[in-house]
Amino acid sequence: MTGGLQTVTDEAAWWVAKMDSAHWDAADEAGLTAWLAQDASRHGLLLRTQAAWAAVDLALVPRGVAAAPAETVADPRSFWRRRKVLAGLAAAIVAGVAGTSRIFAPETRYVTNLGEIRRVPLADGSIMTINSGSALTVRIDSRVRRIALAQGEAWFEVAHDPTRPFVVTAAGVTARALGTAFSVRVRATGVEILVTDGTVETGHESPVNTRAATRLTAGQRAFVDARAAVRFEADRASAVDRALAWRGGMIDLEGDTLATAAEEFNRYNVRKIVVTDPGLAGEKLDGVFRVNDPEGFAQAVKVSLDVTVSARDPTTIRISR
């Protein structure tokens, strides 16, 4: 697959470019694993190349213009031009650290725009799916894999590595796992953690906090507030799956209030849903909708609840009695 490339640095650039394209599948995952297995130093090279790629990605975006989602590469000429620049950057990084026994990448920052859902394979074999309007940094070194979630939400499929814990921090809350799948979401009053597979240990990273860590297993959902108090629901795997429907571009409602549904749609769209009647906001709803279709949702609400929907304003959809 990378046979036409001249150096291992070129190969690393090719793999990073491939991960950043729309065409990544199980065969690519297996190919990357095999490539990494050929030489232990390739793990560090891949991480450094990813950091360089992220820097070039930002540099190529004109000031004031939003970056395209990572899953698309619109212009093949731009793709190869960027890969060529990236190879030069990676080579310079390698030359600058010659003689160092083991080098790891600095923190890499990821930001998603409104409505963008981004899937990012990590060099350790883990995969993270980042929800709309999120920002996080990733650092992987010889001792720990650390994610700092500044805002928004992300779901992590963690590659098993008992020597390097996988730790996500958000708003003072930690979620620690070795090999599992879980999501972390920053909310206004705390942090929500949903576990889809394995076990996650959550607590507060403040040194003055004396509360014991809470262990969550598959199907459990926890909310950790600023005082490190943990509330969680047990044995609600279906509820967790519905809450993570955004990974497939959907919003899955089952007994959710209209106010909650509007809040979810507003996470993904410039055009906001406004519920003008407080009594109406508490009405319960069921249904599955695309995240980018607030108009379709509003029409469904109009029929099911016999309400008025005003969509004359291109930035707002108002729902009232």
Protein backbone atom coordinates (compact mmCIF):
# COMPACT_ATOMS: atom_id res chain seq x y z
CA MET A 1 0.00 0.00 0.00
CA THR A 2 2.91 2.37 0.76
CA GLY A 3 5.38 0.56 -1.49
CA GLY A 4 5.91 3.52 -3.84
CA LEU A 5 7.20 5.81 -1.07
CA GLN A 6 10.92 6.27 -0.62
CA THR A 7 11.45 6.66 3.13
CA VAL A 8 9.79 5.63 6.37
CA THR A 9 9.07 9.34 6.92
CA ASP A 10 7.14 9.40 3.65
CA GLU A 11 5.26 6.30 4.78
CA ALA A 12 4.33 7.94 8.09
CA ALA A 13 3.05 10.98 6.19
CA TRP A 14 1.05 8.70 3.90
CA TRP A 15 -0.59 6.94 6.85
CA VAL A 16 -1.49 10.21 8.60
CA ALA A 17 -2.93 11.61 5.36
CA LYS A 18 -4.91 8.40 4.89
CA MET A 19 -6.33 8.64 8.44
CA ASP A 20 -7.39 12.22 7.69
CA SER A 21 -9.27 11.27 4.52
CA ALA A 22 -12.77 9.90 3.97
CA HIS A 23 -11.52 6.40 3.17
CA TRP A 24 -10.45 4.58 6.33
CA ASP A 25 -11.66 1.05 6.99
CA ALA A 26 -10.75 -2.17 8.82
CA ALA A 27 -8.18 -3.08 6.16
CA ASP A 28 -6.44 0.27 6.67
CA GLU A 29 -6.49 -0.27 10.43
CA ALA A 30 -4.84 -3.67 9.97
CA GLY A 31 -2.31 -2.22 7.54
CA LEU A 32 -1.31 0.52 9.94
CA THR A 33 -0.93 -1.99 12.77
CA ALA A 34 1.34 -4.13 10.60
CA TRP A 35 3.41 -1.09 9.57
CA LEU A 36 3.85 -0.01 13.20
CA ALA A 37 4.84 -3.53 14.23
CA GLN A 38 7.88 -3.48 11.91
CA ASP A 39 9.81 -1.08 14.12
CA ALA A 40 9.06 0.28 17.63
CA SER A 41 10.35 3.73 16.63
CA ARG A 42 7.49 4.09 14.14
CA HIS A 43 5.01 4.77 16.96
CA GLY A 44 6.87 7.95 17.91
CA LEU A 45 7.32 8.95 14.28
CA LEU A 46 3.61 8.57 13.61
CA LEU A 47 2.72 10.72 16.64
CA ARG A 48 5.15 13.46 15.59
CA THR A 49 3.80 13.34 12.06
CA GLN A 50 0.23 13.68 13.31
CA ALA A 51 1.22 16.79 15.25
CA ALA A 52 2.88 18.25 12.15
CA TRP A 53 -0.16 17.39 10.05
CA ALA A 54 -2.46 19.23 12.46
CA ALA A 55 -0.22 22.30 12.27
CA VAL A 56 -0.21 22.25 8.46
CA ASP A 57 -3.98 21.71 8.41
CA LEU A 58 -4.51 24.94 10.36
CA ALA A 59 -1.93 26.84 8.32
CA LEU A 60 -3.70 26.01 5.03
CA VAL A 61 -7.04 27.50 6.16
CA PRO A 62 -7.39 31.21 5.22
CA ARG A 63 -8.05 33.55 8.13
CA GLY A 64 -11.76 33.77 8.92
CA VAL A 65 -12.67 30.61 6.97
CA ALA A 66 -13.89 27.49 8.81
CA ALA A 67 -11.85 24.34 8.24
CA ALA A 68 -13.45 21.47 6.33
CA PRO A 69 -14.25 18.31 8.30
CA ALA A 70 -11.33 15.90 8.59
CA GLU A 71 -13.24 13.16 6.78
CA THR A 72 -13.10 14.99 3.44
CA VAL A 73 -10.22 15.90 1.13
CA ALA A 74 -11.81 18.02 -1.58
CA ASP A 75 -8.82 18.72 -3.84
CA PRO A 76 -6.29 15.92 -4.54
CA ARG A 77 -3.67 18.52 -5.51
CA SER A 78 -4.05 20.18 -2.13
CA PHE A 79 -3.88 16.73 -0.48
CA TRP A 80 -0.52 15.87 -2.07
CA ARG A 81 0.84 19.39 -1.65
CA ARG A 82 0.08 19.16 2.07
CA ARG A 83 1.54 15.63 2.27
CA LYS A 84 4.76 16.92 0.68
CA VAL A 85 5.01 19.78 3.19
CA LEU A 86 4.19 17.37 6.00
CA ALA A 87 6.95 14.96 4.97
CA GLY A 88 9.45 17.84 5.13
CA LEU A 89 8.22 18.85 8.57
CA ALA A 90 8.36 15.28 9.84
CA ALA A 91 11.90 14.88 8.50
CA ALA A 92 12.97 18.06 10.27
CA ILE A 93 11.45 16.83 13.52
CA VAL A 94 13.22 13.49 13.21
CA ALA A 95 16.57 15.22 12.49
CA GLY A 96 16.10 17.52 15.47
CA VAL A 97 15.69 14.68 17.92
CA ALA A 98 18.37 12.33 16.59
CA GLY A 99 20.00 10.39 19.41
CA THR A 100 17.00 10.63 21.73
CA SER A 101 15.94 7.18 22.92
CA ARG A 102 12.15 7.71 22.84
CA ILE A 103 10.27 10.82 21.67
CA PHE A 104 6.54 11.40 21.84
CA ALA A 105 4.39 14.06 20.23
CA PRO A 106 3.40 17.21 22.07
CA GLU A 107 -0.24 17.87 22.77
CA THR A 108 -2.41 17.83 19.67
CA ARG A 109 -5.56 19.96 19.72
CA TYR A 110 -8.80 19.06 17.96
CA VAL A 111 -11.75 21.42 17.45
CA THR A 112 -15.06 20.65 15.74
CA ASN A 113 -17.30 23.29 14.22
CA LEU A 114 -21.04 23.60 14.77
CA GLY A 115 -22.67 20.55 13.17
CA GLU A 116 -19.37 18.73 12.58
CA ILE A 117 -18.88 15.20 13.92
CA ARG A 118 -15.31 13.98 13.50
CA ARG A 119 -13.79 10.48 13.83
CA VAL A 120 -10.07 10.47 14.72
CA PRO A 121 -7.93 7.30 14.93
CA LEU A 122 -5.13 7.73 17.50
CA ALA A 123 -1.63 6.32 17.17
CA ASP A 124 -2.08 3.89 20.08
CA GLY A 125 -4.95 2.17 18.26
CA SER A 126 -7.72 4.01 20.12
CA ILE A 127 -10.40 5.89 18.20
CA MET A 128 -12.25 9.00 19.33
CA THR A 129 -15.43 10.41 17.82
CA ILE A 130 -15.81 14.12 18.56
CA ASN A 131 -19.24 15.73 18.68
CA SER A 132 -20.31 19.13 17.37
CA GLY A 133 -18.80 22.26 18.95
CA SER A 134 -16.13 20.44 20.93
CA ALA A 135 -12.50 21.17 21.80
CA LEU A 136 -9.94 18.79 23.29
CA THR A 137 -6.23 18.03 23.42
CA VAL A 138 -4.52 14.65 23.20
CA ARG A 139 -1.18 13.68 24.68
CA ILE A 140 0.21 10.14 24.54
CA ASP A 141 3.54 9.31 26.15
CA SER A 142 5.30 6.31 27.67
CA ARG A 143 3.31 6.43 30.93
CA VAL A 144 -0.19 7.67 30.17
CA ARG A 145 -2.67 8.52 27.43
CA ARG A 146 -4.34 11.77 28.47
CA ILE A 147 -7.25 13.62 26.90
CA ALA A 148 -8.27 17.09 28.15
CA LEU A 149 -11.83 17.92 27.07
CA ALA A 150 -12.33 21.68 27.29
CA GLN A 151 -15.87 21.76 25.90
CA GLY A 152 -18.41 19.59 24.14
CA GLU A 153 -18.43 15.82 23.98
CA ALA A 154 -16.39 12.90 22.68
CA TRP A 155 -16.71 9.11 22.61
CA PHE A 156 -13.60 6.96 23.03
CA GLU A 157 -12.93 3.40 21.91
CA VAL A 158 -9.84 2.66 24.00
CA ALA A 159 -7.14 0.27 22.82
CA HIS A 160 -6.14 -2.09 25.62
CA ASP A 161 -2.75 -1.17 27.12
CA PRO A 162 -2.41 -1.95 30.85
CA THR A 163 0.93 -0.13 31.03
CA ARG A 164 -0.56 3.21 29.93
CA PRO A 165 -3.87 4.26 31.52
CA PHE A 166 -6.29 6.18 29.33
CA VAL A 167 -7.47 9.25 31.28
CA VAL A 168 -9.97 11.91 30.21
CA THR A 169 -10.23 15.12 32.24
CA ALA A 170 -13.07 17.63 31.92
CA ALA A 171 -14.07 20.48 34.23
CA GLY A 172 -12.09 18.97 37.10
CA VAL A 173 -13.56 15.48 36.62
CA THR A 174 -11.50 12.44 35.61
CA ALA A 175 -12.59 9.30 33.77
CA ARG A 176 -9.99 6.54 33.75
CA ALA A 177 -10.05 3.34 31.67
CA LEU A 178 -7.64 0.70 30.37
CA GLY A 179 -9.61 -0.95 27.57
CA THR A 180 -13.20 0.12 27.14
CA ALA A 181 -15.58 2.46 25.28
CA PHE A 182 -17.18 5.50 26.90
CA SER A 183 -18.17 9.11 26.30
CA VAL A 184 -17.56 12.29 28.27
CA ARG A 185 -19.70 15.43 27.89
CA VAL A 186 -19.17 18.82 29.52
CA ARG A 187 -22.45 20.35 30.67
CA ALA A 188 -23.19 23.67 32.36
CA THR A 189 -23.25 22.23 35.89
CA GLY A 190 -20.95 19.23 35.61
CA VAL A 191 -19.73 16.34 33.50
CA GLU A 192 -21.72 13.42 32.09
CA ILE A 193 -20.07 10.03 31.51
CA LEU A 194 -21.68 7.17 29.57
CA VAL A 195 -20.09 3.71 29.40
CA THR A 196 -20.83 1.44 26.42
CA ASP A 197 -18.25 -1.26 27.11
CA GLY A 198 -15.90 -2.28 29.92
CA THR A 199 -15.31 -0.31 33.12
CA VAL A 200 -14.54 3.35 33.82
CA GLU A 201 -13.48 4.85 37.14
CA THR A 202 -14.58 8.44 37.66
CA GLY A 203 -13.91 11.03 40.33
CA HIS A 204 -12.69 14.57 40.92
CA GLU A 205 -9.07 15.54 40.30
CA SER A 206 -9.02 18.20 43.04
CA PRO A 207 -6.45 17.27 45.73
CA VAL A 208 -8.80 18.48 48.48
CA ASN A 209 -11.61 16.19 47.37
CA THR A 210 -11.86 13.11 49.61
CA ARG A 211 -14.71 11.30 47.90
CA ALA A 212 -13.86 7.81 46.72
CA ALA A 213 -13.81 7.19 42.98
CA THR A 214 -16.97 5.71 41.46
CA ARG A 215 -16.77 2.69 39.16
CA LEU A 216 -19.11 2.54 36.16
CA THR A 217 -19.74 -0.48 33.95
CA ALA A 218 -21.29 -0.96 30.51
CA GLY A 219 -24.78 0.55 30.29
CA GLN A 220 -24.29 2.99 33.16
CA ARG A 221 -24.56 6.74 32.93
CA ALA A 222 -23.16 9.14 35.55
CA PHE A 223 -23.24 12.86 36.19
CA VAL A 224 -20.47 14.40 38.31
CA ASP A 225 -21.13 17.91 39.62
CA ALA A 226 -18.73 20.59 40.84
CA ARG A 227 -18.79 19.14 44.38
CA ALA A 228 -17.76 15.74 43.00
CA ALA A 229 -21.14 14.25 43.88
CA VAL A 230 -21.95 11.39 41.49
CA ARG A 231 -25.47 10.51 40.33
CA PHE A 232 -25.85 7.53 38.04
CA GLU A 233 -28.41 5.23 36.44
CA ALA A 234 -27.69 1.49 36.43
CA ASP A 235 -28.56 -1.11 33.81
CA ARG A 236 -29.85 1.37 31.25
CA ALA A 237 -27.87 0.25 28.19
CA SER A 238 -30.67 1.30 25.83
CA ALA A 239 -30.69 4.82 27.30
CA VAL A 240 -26.92 5.07 26.82
CA ASP A 241 -27.23 3.94 23.19
CA ARG A 242 -29.92 6.56 22.55
CA ALA A 243 -27.80 9.29 24.12
CA LEU A 244 -24.95 8.34 21.77
CA ALA A 245 -27.08 8.25 18.60
CA TRP A 246 -25.23 11.41 17.52
CA ARG A 247 -22.33 9.18 16.42
CA GLY A 248 -24.55 8.18 13.49
CA GLY A 249 -25.85 11.71 12.95
CA MET A 250 -29.14 11.11 14.77
CA ILE A 251 -31.07 12.36 17.81
CA ASP A 252 -33.04 9.57 19.51
CA LEU A 253 -35.82 10.74 21.81
CA GLU A 254 -37.79 8.51 24.18
CA GLY A 255 -39.80 10.35 26.79
CA ASP A 256 -37.57 13.42 26.52
CA THR A 257 -39.06 16.87 27.03
CA LEU A 258 -39.49 19.32 24.18
CA ALA A 259 -37.04 21.65 25.95
CA THR A 260 -34.39 18.91 26.06
CA ALA A 261 -35.00 18.03 22.41
CA ALA A 262 -34.65 21.67 21.36
CA GLU A 263 -31.39 21.92 23.28
CA GLU A 264 -30.04 18.86 21.46
CA PHE A 265 -30.94 20.20 17.99
CA ASN A 266 -29.41 23.57 18.85
CA ARG A 267 -26.05 21.84 19.47
CA TYR A 268 -25.78 21.09 15.76
CA ASN A 269 -27.53 23.90 13.89
CA VAL A 270 -27.18 27.61 13.28
CA ARG A 271 -30.96 27.84 13.09
CA LYS A 272 -32.16 27.52 16.69
CA ILE A 273 -35.40 26.07 18.04
CA VAL A 274 -37.09 28.32 20.61
CA VAL A 275 -39.98 27.03 22.75
CA THR A 276 -41.89 30.13 23.81
CA ASP A 277 -44.38 28.48 26.20
CA PRO A 278 -42.89 27.14 29.50
CA GLY A 279 -45.78 24.67 29.84
CA LEU A 280 -45.16 23.33 26.36
CA ALA A 281 -41.47 22.89 27.09
CA GLY A 282 -42.26 20.02 29.46
CA GLU A 283 -44.22 17.94 26.92
CA LYS A 284 -42.71 14.46 26.36
CA LEU A 285 -41.65 13.24 22.92
CA ASP A 286 -40.53 10.03 21.16
CA GLY A 287 -38.84 9.70 17.78
CA VAL A 288 -35.59 9.52 15.85
CA PHE A 289 -34.45 12.53 13.81
CA ARG A 290 -31.39 13.64 11.87
CA VAL A 291 -29.26 16.13 13.80
CA ASN A 292 -29.29 18.58 10.86
CA ASP A 293 -33.07 18.62 10.36
CA PRO A 294 -34.61 20.97 12.95
CA GLU A 295 -37.31 21.91 10.43
CA GLY A 296 -38.45 18.29 10.08
CA PHE A 297 -38.49 17.90 13.85
CA ALA A 298 -40.54 21.08 14.28
CA GLN A 299 -43.13 19.85 11.77
CA ALA A 300 -43.38 16.52 13.62
CA VAL A 301 -43.95 18.41 16.88
CA LYS A 302 -46.60 20.54 15.19
CA VAL A 303 -48.58 17.44 14.17
CA SER A 304 -48.13 15.43 17.38
CA LEU A 305 -48.75 18.23 19.89
CA ASP A 306 -51.08 20.42 17.80
CA VAL A 307 -48.93 23.51 18.27
CA THR A 308 -47.94 26.51 16.16
CA VAL A 309 -44.58 26.53 14.38
CA SER A 310 -43.24 29.82 13.04
CA ALA A 311 -40.28 29.48 10.66
CA ARG A 312 -40.29 32.87 8.95
CA ASP A 313 -37.03 33.89 10.62
CA PRO A 314 -34.11 32.07 8.87
CA THR A 315 -32.20 31.88 12.16
CA THR A 316 -35.02 30.74 14.47
CA ILE A 317 -37.88 28.22 14.61
CA ARG A 318 -40.45 29.23 17.22
CA ILE A 319 -42.78 26.65 18.74
CA SER A 320 -45.78 27.93 20.72
CA ARG A 321 -49.32 27.03 21.73
